[in-house]
Amino acid sequence: MELSPEDAKLVTLARASRARTGAVEGAAVRDLDGRTYAASTVALDSLQVAALDLAVAMAVSSGAKGLEAAAAVTDAEVVDTAAVRDLAGSGVSVFVADASGTVGAVHES
């Protein structure tokens, strides 16, 4: 699958976040101003947050009013895009890639 340079950057950021922390998932989102936010899964005894949810939360806490696109790097077959949809509405592409960065699916929020 051929991605635009901006979308490929999201996959790279998500992949790097996952690798840096050794987390189950990495994710990145791009807001309407072109700013990017990357996160990895948080798995503490008292707190569980999916990478994509955390990336969206980081965007919201930075004042983002919407999203242009998102990416998740995961081995999971299902990616919950509810947080993306909550902030961006429907129709936002969520690129789902494996650990090598190969995009296997594109979901619409």
Protein backbone atom coordinates (compact mmCIF):
# COMPACT_ATOMS: atom_id res chain seq x y z
CA MET A 1 0.00 0.00 0.00
CA GLU A 2 1.38 3.38 -1.00
CA LEU A 3 1.05 6.03 1.74
CA SER A 4 1.55 9.75 1.44
CA PRO A 5 4.71 11.01 3.18
CA GLU A 6 2.58 12.46 6.00
CA ASP A 7 0.76 9.16 6.57
CA ALA A 8 4.01 7.17 6.36
CA LYS A 9 5.39 9.47 9.08
CA LEU A 10 2.49 8.48 11.36
CA VAL A 11 3.31 4.80 10.90
CA THR A 12 7.00 5.50 11.59
CA LEU A 13 6.18 7.45 14.76
CA ALA A 14 3.81 4.73 15.98
CA ARG A 15 6.39 2.05 15.26
CA ALA A 16 9.15 3.96 17.06
CA SER A 17 6.96 4.57 20.11
CA ARG A 18 6.15 0.88 20.37
CA ALA A 19 9.78 -0.17 19.93
CA ARG A 20 11.13 2.42 22.38
CA THR A 21 8.95 1.20 25.22
CA GLY A 22 8.57 -2.45 24.28
CA ALA A 23 4.82 -1.97 24.44
CA VAL A 24 2.13 -4.12 22.86
CA GLU A 25 1.01 -1.24 20.60
CA GLY A 26 2.22 2.09 19.31
CA ALA A 27 0.07 4.80 17.76
CA ALA A 28 0.28 8.27 16.29
CA VAL A 29 -2.27 10.87 15.23
CA ARG A 30 -2.09 14.06 13.18
CA ASP A 31 -4.32 16.97 14.15
CA LEU A 32 -5.92 19.53 11.85
CA ASP A 33 -2.90 21.85 12.25
CA GLY A 34 -0.49 19.09 11.15
CA ARG A 35 0.91 18.45 14.64
CA THR A 36 1.62 14.83 15.50
CA TYR A 37 1.28 12.95 18.76
CA ALA A 38 2.75 9.49 19.37
CA ALA A 39 2.06 7.11 22.24
CA SER A 40 2.41 3.51 23.30
CA THR A 41 0.20 1.24 25.33
CA VAL A 42 0.23 1.86 29.09
CA ALA A 43 -0.07 -1.33 31.11
CA LEU A 44 0.20 -0.63 34.82
CA ASP A 45 -1.59 -2.43 37.62
CA SER A 46 -3.74 0.63 38.21
CA LEU A 47 -3.98 2.00 34.66
CA GLN A 48 -4.59 0.42 31.26
CA VAL A 49 -4.65 2.70 28.18
CA ALA A 50 -4.51 1.63 24.55
CA ALA A 51 -1.91 3.42 22.45
CA LEU A 52 -4.42 4.96 20.04
CA ASP A 53 -6.59 6.22 22.91
CA LEU A 54 -3.55 7.80 24.55
CA ALA A 55 -2.40 9.49 21.33
CA VAL A 56 -5.88 10.98 20.94
CA ALA A 57 -5.87 12.10 24.59
CA MET A 58 -2.51 13.81 24.06
CA ALA A 59 -3.92 15.66 21.05
CA VAL A 60 -6.99 16.75 23.00
CA SER A 61 -4.91 17.90 25.96
CA SER A 62 -2.83 20.00 23.55
CA GLY A 63 -5.92 21.74 22.21
CA ALA A 64 -6.53 19.79 18.98
CA LYS A 65 -10.02 20.34 17.58
CA GLY A 66 -9.92 17.36 15.19
CA LEU A 67 -7.73 14.82 13.45
CA GLU A 68 -6.64 14.29 9.86
CA ALA A 69 -5.36 10.72 10.23
CA ALA A 70 -4.13 8.10 12.68
CA ALA A 71 -1.91 5.02 12.69
CA ALA A 72 -1.60 2.03 14.99
CA VAL A 73 1.18 -0.54 15.05
CA THR A 74 -0.10 -3.73 16.62
CA ASP A 75 -0.35 -7.48 16.31
CA ALA A 76 -4.03 -7.32 17.24
CA GLU A 77 -6.62 -8.06 14.58
CA VAL A 78 -9.06 -5.45 15.90
CA VAL A 79 -8.27 -1.80 16.63
CA ASP A 80 -10.77 0.29 18.57
CA THR A 81 -11.15 3.60 16.72
CA ALA A 82 -13.83 5.09 19.01
CA ALA A 83 -11.55 7.80 20.43
CA VAL A 84 -10.53 8.87 16.92
CA ARG A 85 -14.19 9.05 15.93
CA ASP A 86 -15.05 11.02 19.09
CA LEU A 87 -12.53 13.74 18.25
CA ALA A 88 -12.56 13.68 14.46
CA GLY A 89 -15.95 12.40 13.45
CA SER A 90 -16.37 9.74 10.80
CA GLY A 91 -14.26 9.24 7.71
CA VAL A 92 -10.78 9.67 9.21
CA SER A 93 -8.32 7.02 8.03
CA VAL A 94 -6.68 4.82 10.67
CA PHE A 95 -3.73 2.93 9.19
CA VAL A 96 -3.06 -0.38 10.96
CA ALA A 97 0.44 -1.77 10.54
CA ASP A 98 2.44 -4.70 11.86
CA ALA A 99 5.75 -4.42 13.73
CA SER A 100 7.67 -4.06 10.45
CA GLY A 101 5.57 -1.04 9.49
CA THR A 102 3.65 -2.81 6.75
CA VAL A 103 0.11 -1.45 6.60
CA GLY A 104 -2.32 -4.34 6.39
CA ALA A 105 -5.57 -2.47 6.81
CA VAL A 106 -7.07 1.00 6.71
CA HIS A 107 -10.10 1.59 8.92
CA GLU A 108 -12.38 4.59 8.74
CA SER A 109 -13.33 6.14 12.06
